[in-house]
Amino acid sequence: MPWTRIFSGIIAIILALGGTILGGWYFTAGLAILVYLAQLEYFQLVRAKGILPAGKTTIIVSQALLIISTLSNNLADAVLPVAGTFICFYLLFQPKLASIADISTSILGLFYGGYLPSYWVRIRAIDSAGTSNLALNGFWPADWGHFSALPTGLAITLLAFGCIWAADIGAYTMGRLFGRTQLSNISPKKTVEGAVFGVAGSVAVALLGSWSLGWPLWSITGTALGLLIGATSLLGDLTESMMKRDAGVKDSGQLIPGHGGILDRADSYVFTAPLVYYFVVLLLPLFSS
């Protein structure tokens, strides 16, 4: 199982890096596929509880949200309440009277499975308007020698991914080797020792990235970003574990050998995206000033 997990993880990383580097509509298309598959798994968990959400409608408006996020960041925030209203209206006119659970799980599916992941599109698009050198607003680096020479959005996206990977690998590896203290009843295999090593790994990668990018007060900003990503990715993992536990399943799916479903691998990325975006857009300029 560990070798299967490692091999499938390497394949997933290669695909993720390819789409991330290309950016533009290539990145959006790859993310749209992941969002679609993740929402299918989410609604499968919901239906296991006997709830009847507006699954198809939520998936459609989530895809529209990703497209609009690529076209305009400002419009994306306006789409969320409009899409939520549309979902509620859809449920109102179903033959079977919708319950509070039907409505709330549908809105959660939109927020958790569509809106929050759309922030990765925003992050990747930062300062990318003048750097596209391929069709469909794509990009391919001409010089791989310097991380700081990459477009800002690409560098930050890669840095965030690296922090999440370091947190996941650190927590999984060190937790298996040294883990003794259970972290939470939600996920019995997670340990305090693994969580500490995971957050430490995220901080180490963030420090290296902030130094390479020449961020102001890089030791402070790097540590802050690493702590933010490390803690948030862990909480995202626990949130998905809580949903699986409530639904009575071990994995959200079986799409990725050795890892489970898309949600099992993408849970660390969901809540992280908006926090990274606003850290870079709102907080980092404050350190510069």
Protein backbone atom coordinates (compact mmCIF):
# COMPACT_ATOMS: atom_id res chain seq x y z
CA MET A 1 0.00 0.00 0.00
CA PRO A 2 2.74 2.57 0.79
CA TRP A 3 4.30 2.08 -2.67
CA THR A 4 0.89 2.42 -4.33
CA ARG A 5 0.31 5.56 -2.31
CA ILE A 6 3.69 6.99 -3.28
CA PHE A 7 3.32 6.19 -7.00
CA SER A 8 -0.20 7.60 -7.33
CA GLY A 9 0.88 10.64 -5.31
CA ILE A 10 3.77 11.30 -7.72
CA ILE A 11 1.40 11.08 -10.71
CA ALA A 12 -1.01 13.50 -9.03
CA ILE A 13 1.81 15.95 -8.28
CA ILE A 14 3.04 15.86 -11.90
CA LEU A 15 -0.45 16.59 -13.22
CA ALA A 16 -1.00 19.34 -10.65
CA LEU A 17 2.34 20.98 -11.44
CA GLY A 18 1.69 20.86 -15.18
CA GLY A 19 -1.67 22.60 -14.92
CA THR A 20 -0.36 25.09 -12.37
CA ILE A 21 2.62 26.12 -14.49
CA LEU A 22 0.48 26.55 -17.61
CA GLY A 23 -2.04 28.68 -15.72
CA GLY A 24 -4.80 30.53 -17.53
CA TRP A 25 -7.65 28.42 -18.82
CA TYR A 26 -5.51 25.29 -18.55
CA PHE A 27 -5.38 25.72 -14.79
CA THR A 28 -9.09 26.51 -14.65
CA ALA A 29 -9.95 23.42 -16.70
CA GLY A 30 -7.90 21.16 -14.43
CA LEU A 31 -9.41 22.70 -11.30
CA ALA A 32 -12.90 22.42 -12.79
CA ILE A 33 -12.43 18.65 -13.24
CA LEU A 34 -11.24 18.29 -9.65
CA VAL A 35 -14.14 20.37 -8.32
CA TYR A 36 -16.62 18.30 -10.33
CA LEU A 37 -15.24 14.99 -9.02
CA ALA A 38 -14.94 16.30 -5.46
CA GLN A 39 -18.53 17.53 -5.44
CA LEU A 40 -19.74 14.16 -6.72
CA GLU A 41 -18.03 12.57 -3.72
CA TYR A 42 -19.40 15.21 -1.35
CA PHE A 43 -22.98 14.69 -2.49
CA GLN A 44 -22.49 10.95 -2.24
CA LEU A 45 -21.60 11.45 1.43
CA VAL A 46 -24.65 13.67 1.88
CA ARG A 47 -27.02 11.17 0.27
CA ALA A 48 -25.64 8.45 2.52
CA LYS A 49 -27.36 10.37 5.33
CA GLY A 50 -30.72 10.26 3.54
CA ILE A 51 -30.52 13.93 2.49
CA LEU A 52 -31.61 15.04 -0.98
CA PRO A 53 -29.53 18.08 -2.00
CA ALA A 54 -29.64 19.98 -5.29
CA GLY A 55 -26.52 18.18 -6.49
CA LYS A 56 -26.64 18.79 -10.25
CA THR A 57 -27.64 22.44 -9.84
CA THR A 58 -24.85 23.07 -7.33
CA ILE A 59 -22.27 21.45 -9.59
CA ILE A 60 -23.37 23.55 -12.57
CA VAL A 61 -23.24 26.87 -10.71
CA SER A 62 -19.87 25.90 -9.19
CA GLN A 63 -18.44 25.36 -12.67
CA ALA A 64 -19.84 28.73 -13.70
CA LEU A 65 -18.18 30.25 -10.64
CA LEU A 66 -14.77 28.94 -11.72
CA ILE A 67 -15.24 30.36 -15.21
CA ILE A 68 -16.27 33.76 -13.86
CA SER A 69 -13.34 33.74 -11.41
CA THR A 70 -11.03 33.36 -14.40
CA LEU A 71 -12.69 36.24 -16.20
CA SER A 72 -13.03 38.61 -13.24
CA ASN A 73 -12.18 38.27 -9.55
CA ASN A 74 -14.66 40.96 -8.58
CA LEU A 75 -17.58 39.22 -10.26
CA ALA A 76 -16.79 35.94 -8.50
CA ASP A 77 -17.80 37.32 -5.10
CA ALA A 78 -21.08 38.54 -6.54
CA VAL A 79 -21.84 35.12 -8.03
CA LEU A 80 -21.83 33.32 -4.66
CA PRO A 81 -25.02 34.88 -3.22
CA VAL A 82 -26.73 34.75 -6.61
CA ALA A 83 -25.85 31.08 -7.03
CA GLY A 84 -26.98 30.32 -3.46
CA THR A 85 -30.29 32.05 -4.10
CA PHE A 86 -30.77 30.10 -7.33
CA ILE A 87 -30.15 26.80 -5.50
CA CYS A 88 -32.74 27.68 -2.86
CA PHE A 89 -35.28 28.63 -5.52
CA TYR A 90 -34.62 25.36 -7.33
CA LEU A 91 -35.33 23.34 -4.17
CA LEU A 92 -38.49 25.32 -3.49
CA PHE A 93 -40.15 24.05 -6.65
CA GLN A 94 -39.31 20.36 -6.33
CA PRO A 95 -42.20 17.87 -6.12
CA LYS A 96 -40.99 16.74 -2.68
CA LEU A 97 -40.89 19.41 -0.01
CA ALA A 98 -37.23 20.24 0.65
CA SER A 99 -35.92 20.07 4.20
CA ILE A 100 -33.51 22.37 6.01
CA ALA A 101 -30.86 19.68 5.58
CA ASP A 102 -31.47 19.59 1.79
CA ILE A 103 -30.95 23.34 1.55
CA SER A 104 -28.01 23.61 3.95
CA THR A 105 -26.03 20.75 2.42
CA SER A 106 -26.56 22.23 -1.04
CA ILE A 107 -25.28 25.63 0.06
CA LEU A 108 -22.35 23.97 1.85
CA GLY A 109 -21.59 22.06 -1.36
CA LEU A 110 -21.44 25.38 -3.21
CA PHE A 111 -19.32 27.12 -0.57
CA TYR A 112 -17.02 24.23 0.35
CA GLY A 113 -16.81 22.54 -3.03
CA GLY A 114 -16.99 25.50 -5.42
CA TYR A 115 -16.43 28.95 -3.94
CA LEU A 116 -13.44 28.26 -1.68
CA PRO A 117 -11.49 26.27 -4.33
CA SER A 118 -12.09 29.11 -6.82
CA TYR A 119 -9.58 31.15 -4.84
CA TRP A 120 -6.81 29.03 -6.38
CA VAL A 121 -7.79 30.59 -9.71
CA ARG A 122 -7.42 34.04 -8.17
CA ILE A 123 -4.03 33.20 -6.66
CA ARG A 124 -2.67 31.83 -9.92
CA ALA A 125 -3.94 34.89 -11.80
CA ILE A 126 -2.09 37.46 -9.64
CA ASP A 127 -0.03 39.72 -11.92
CA SER A 128 -0.33 37.18 -14.75
CA ALA A 129 -1.98 39.43 -17.34
CA GLY A 130 1.29 40.47 -18.94
CA THR A 131 3.14 37.18 -18.66
CA SER A 132 1.05 34.89 -20.86
CA ASN A 133 3.03 33.45 -23.78
CA LEU A 134 0.67 30.64 -24.85
CA ALA A 135 -2.85 30.45 -26.18
CA LEU A 136 -5.75 30.57 -23.70
CA ASN A 137 -3.71 32.84 -21.40
CA GLY A 138 -1.24 30.04 -20.77
CA PHE A 139 2.35 30.42 -19.70
CA TRP A 140 5.55 28.40 -19.96
CA PRO A 141 8.74 29.65 -18.28
CA ALA A 142 11.64 30.50 -20.55
CA ASP A 143 14.06 30.51 -17.60
CA TRP A 144 13.83 27.91 -14.83
CA GLY A 145 16.93 29.18 -13.07
CA HIS A 146 15.32 31.53 -10.55
CA PHE A 147 12.16 30.94 -8.54
CA SER A 148 11.76 34.69 -8.04
CA ALA A 149 11.71 35.23 -11.83
CA LEU A 150 8.43 33.34 -12.17
CA PRO A 151 5.16 35.29 -12.42
CA THR A 152 3.92 36.28 -8.97
CA GLY A 153 0.77 34.18 -9.10
CA LEU A 154 2.67 31.07 -10.22
CA ALA A 155 5.36 31.50 -7.57
CA ILE A 156 2.83 31.96 -4.77
CA THR A 157 0.73 29.00 -5.96
CA LEU A 158 3.79 26.75 -6.08
CA LEU A 159 4.89 28.00 -2.66
CA ALA A 160 1.45 27.30 -1.16
CA PHE A 161 1.35 23.83 -2.74
CA GLY A 162 4.85 23.13 -1.42
CA CYS A 163 3.79 24.11 2.11
CA ILE A 164 0.74 21.84 1.93
CA TRP A 165 2.80 18.94 0.58
CA ALA A 166 5.41 19.43 3.29
CA ALA A 167 2.68 19.53 5.94
CA ASP A 168 1.01 16.36 4.61
CA ILE A 169 4.26 14.42 4.17
CA GLY A 170 5.65 15.57 7.50
CA ALA A 171 2.49 14.72 9.40
CA TYR A 172 2.06 11.33 7.70
CA THR A 173 5.69 10.20 7.93
CA MET A 174 6.58 11.51 11.36
CA GLY A 175 3.19 10.55 12.74
CA ARG A 176 3.79 6.93 11.73
CA LEU A 177 7.32 6.94 13.13
CA PHE A 178 6.94 8.93 16.33
CA GLY A 179 3.22 9.47 16.84
CA ARG A 180 1.99 8.48 20.29
CA THR A 181 -0.59 11.10 21.34
CA GLN A 182 -3.95 11.08 19.58
CA LEU A 183 -4.84 14.47 18.13
CA SER A 184 -8.62 14.11 17.80
CA ASN A 185 -11.34 11.51 18.04
CA ILE A 186 -12.49 12.62 14.60
CA SER A 187 -9.45 10.99 13.00
CA PRO A 188 -7.90 8.46 15.43
CA LYS A 189 -4.75 7.89 13.35
CA LYS A 190 -3.69 11.54 13.50
CA THR A 191 -1.29 12.38 16.28
CA VAL A 192 -0.08 15.52 17.99
CA GLU A 193 3.50 14.64 17.06
CA GLY A 194 2.56 14.26 13.40
CA ALA A 195 0.68 17.57 13.43
CA VAL A 196 3.66 19.39 14.94
CA PHE A 197 6.07 17.98 12.35
CA GLY A 198 3.58 18.80 9.60
CA VAL A 199 3.26 22.44 10.62
CA ALA A 200 7.05 22.64 11.04
CA GLY A 201 7.52 21.34 7.51
CA SER A 202 5.11 23.94 6.18
CA VAL A 203 6.98 26.71 8.00
CA ALA A 204 10.35 25.51 6.65
CA VAL A 205 9.11 25.60 3.04
CA ALA A 206 7.42 28.98 3.56
CA LEU A 207 10.62 30.46 5.00
CA LEU A 208 12.62 29.25 2.02
CA GLY A 209 10.02 30.60 -0.38
CA SER A 210 9.67 34.00 1.29
CA TRP A 211 13.46 34.40 1.28
CA SER A 212 13.67 33.41 -2.39
CA LEU A 213 10.91 35.84 -3.34
CA GLY A 214 12.50 38.67 -1.37
CA TRP A 215 9.46 39.34 0.79
CA PRO A 216 9.77 42.14 3.37
CA LEU A 217 10.75 40.80 6.80
CA TRP A 218 10.91 37.38 5.16
CA SER A 219 11.55 35.51 8.40
CA ILE A 220 8.34 36.90 9.92
CA THR A 221 6.15 36.72 6.81
CA GLY A 222 7.45 33.25 5.93
CA THR A 223 6.80 31.93 9.43
CA ALA A 224 3.32 33.46 9.46
CA LEU A 225 2.43 31.97 6.09
CA GLY A 226 3.83 28.56 7.02
CA LEU A 227 1.89 28.47 10.28
CA LEU A 228 -1.26 29.61 8.49
CA ILE A 229 -1.03 26.96 5.77
CA GLY A 230 0.11 24.18 8.11
CA ALA A 231 -2.71 24.74 10.60
CA THR A 232 -5.39 25.34 7.98
CA SER A 233 -4.49 22.29 5.90
CA LEU A 234 -4.71 20.17 9.05
CA LEU A 235 -8.11 21.63 9.96
CA GLY A 236 -9.31 21.04 6.40
CA ASP A 237 -8.26 17.42 6.69
CA LEU A 238 -10.12 17.04 10.00
CA THR A 239 -13.23 18.69 8.54
CA GLU A 240 -13.39 16.16 5.72
CA SER A 241 -12.75 13.34 8.20
CA MET A 242 -15.69 14.61 10.26
CA MET A 243 -17.98 14.44 7.23
CA LYS A 244 -16.81 10.91 6.39
CA ARG A 245 -17.29 9.82 9.99
CA ASP A 246 -20.81 11.21 10.01
CA ALA A 247 -21.58 9.43 6.73
CA GLY A 248 -20.11 6.19 8.04
CA VAL A 249 -17.46 5.69 5.34
CA LYS A 250 -13.68 5.27 5.46
CA ASP A 251 -12.84 7.14 2.23
CA SER A 252 -14.79 9.64 0.15
CA GLY A 253 -14.04 7.54 -2.95
CA GLN A 254 -11.57 5.13 -4.55
CA LEU A 255 -10.38 7.20 -7.52
CA ILE A 256 -6.75 7.55 -6.36
CA PRO A 257 -5.09 4.23 -5.44
CA GLY A 258 -3.70 4.30 -1.92
CA HIS A 259 -5.25 7.69 -1.18
CA GLY A 260 -9.00 7.24 -1.56
CA GLY A 261 -11.08 9.86 -3.34
CA ILE A 262 -10.47 13.40 -4.55
CA LEU A 263 -11.77 14.87 -1.30
CA ASP A 264 -9.35 12.70 0.66
CA ARG A 265 -6.44 14.38 -1.16
CA ALA A 266 -7.87 17.86 -1.75
CA ASP A 267 -9.26 18.51 1.74
CA SER A 268 -6.06 20.34 2.77
CA TYR A 269 -6.44 22.79 -0.12
CA VAL A 270 -10.03 23.95 0.40
CA PHE A 271 -9.78 26.35 3.35
CA THR A 272 -6.16 27.21 2.57
CA ALA A 273 -6.83 28.97 -0.73
CA PRO A 274 -8.71 32.09 0.46
CA LEU A 275 -6.38 32.58 3.43
CA VAL A 276 -3.29 32.47 1.21
CA TYR A 277 -4.92 34.86 -1.26
CA TYR A 278 -5.80 37.48 1.35
CA PHE A 279 -2.45 37.03 3.10
CA VAL A 280 -0.68 37.98 -0.13
CA VAL A 281 -3.13 40.65 -1.28
CA LEU A 282 -3.94 42.33 2.04
CA LEU A 283 -1.37 41.47 4.72
CA LEU A 284 1.89 41.28 2.75
CA PRO A 285 1.61 44.89 1.49
CA LEU A 286 1.33 46.03 5.13
CA PHE A 287 4.77 44.58 5.84
CA SER A 288 6.11 46.40 2.80
CA SER A 289 4.85 49.71 4.12
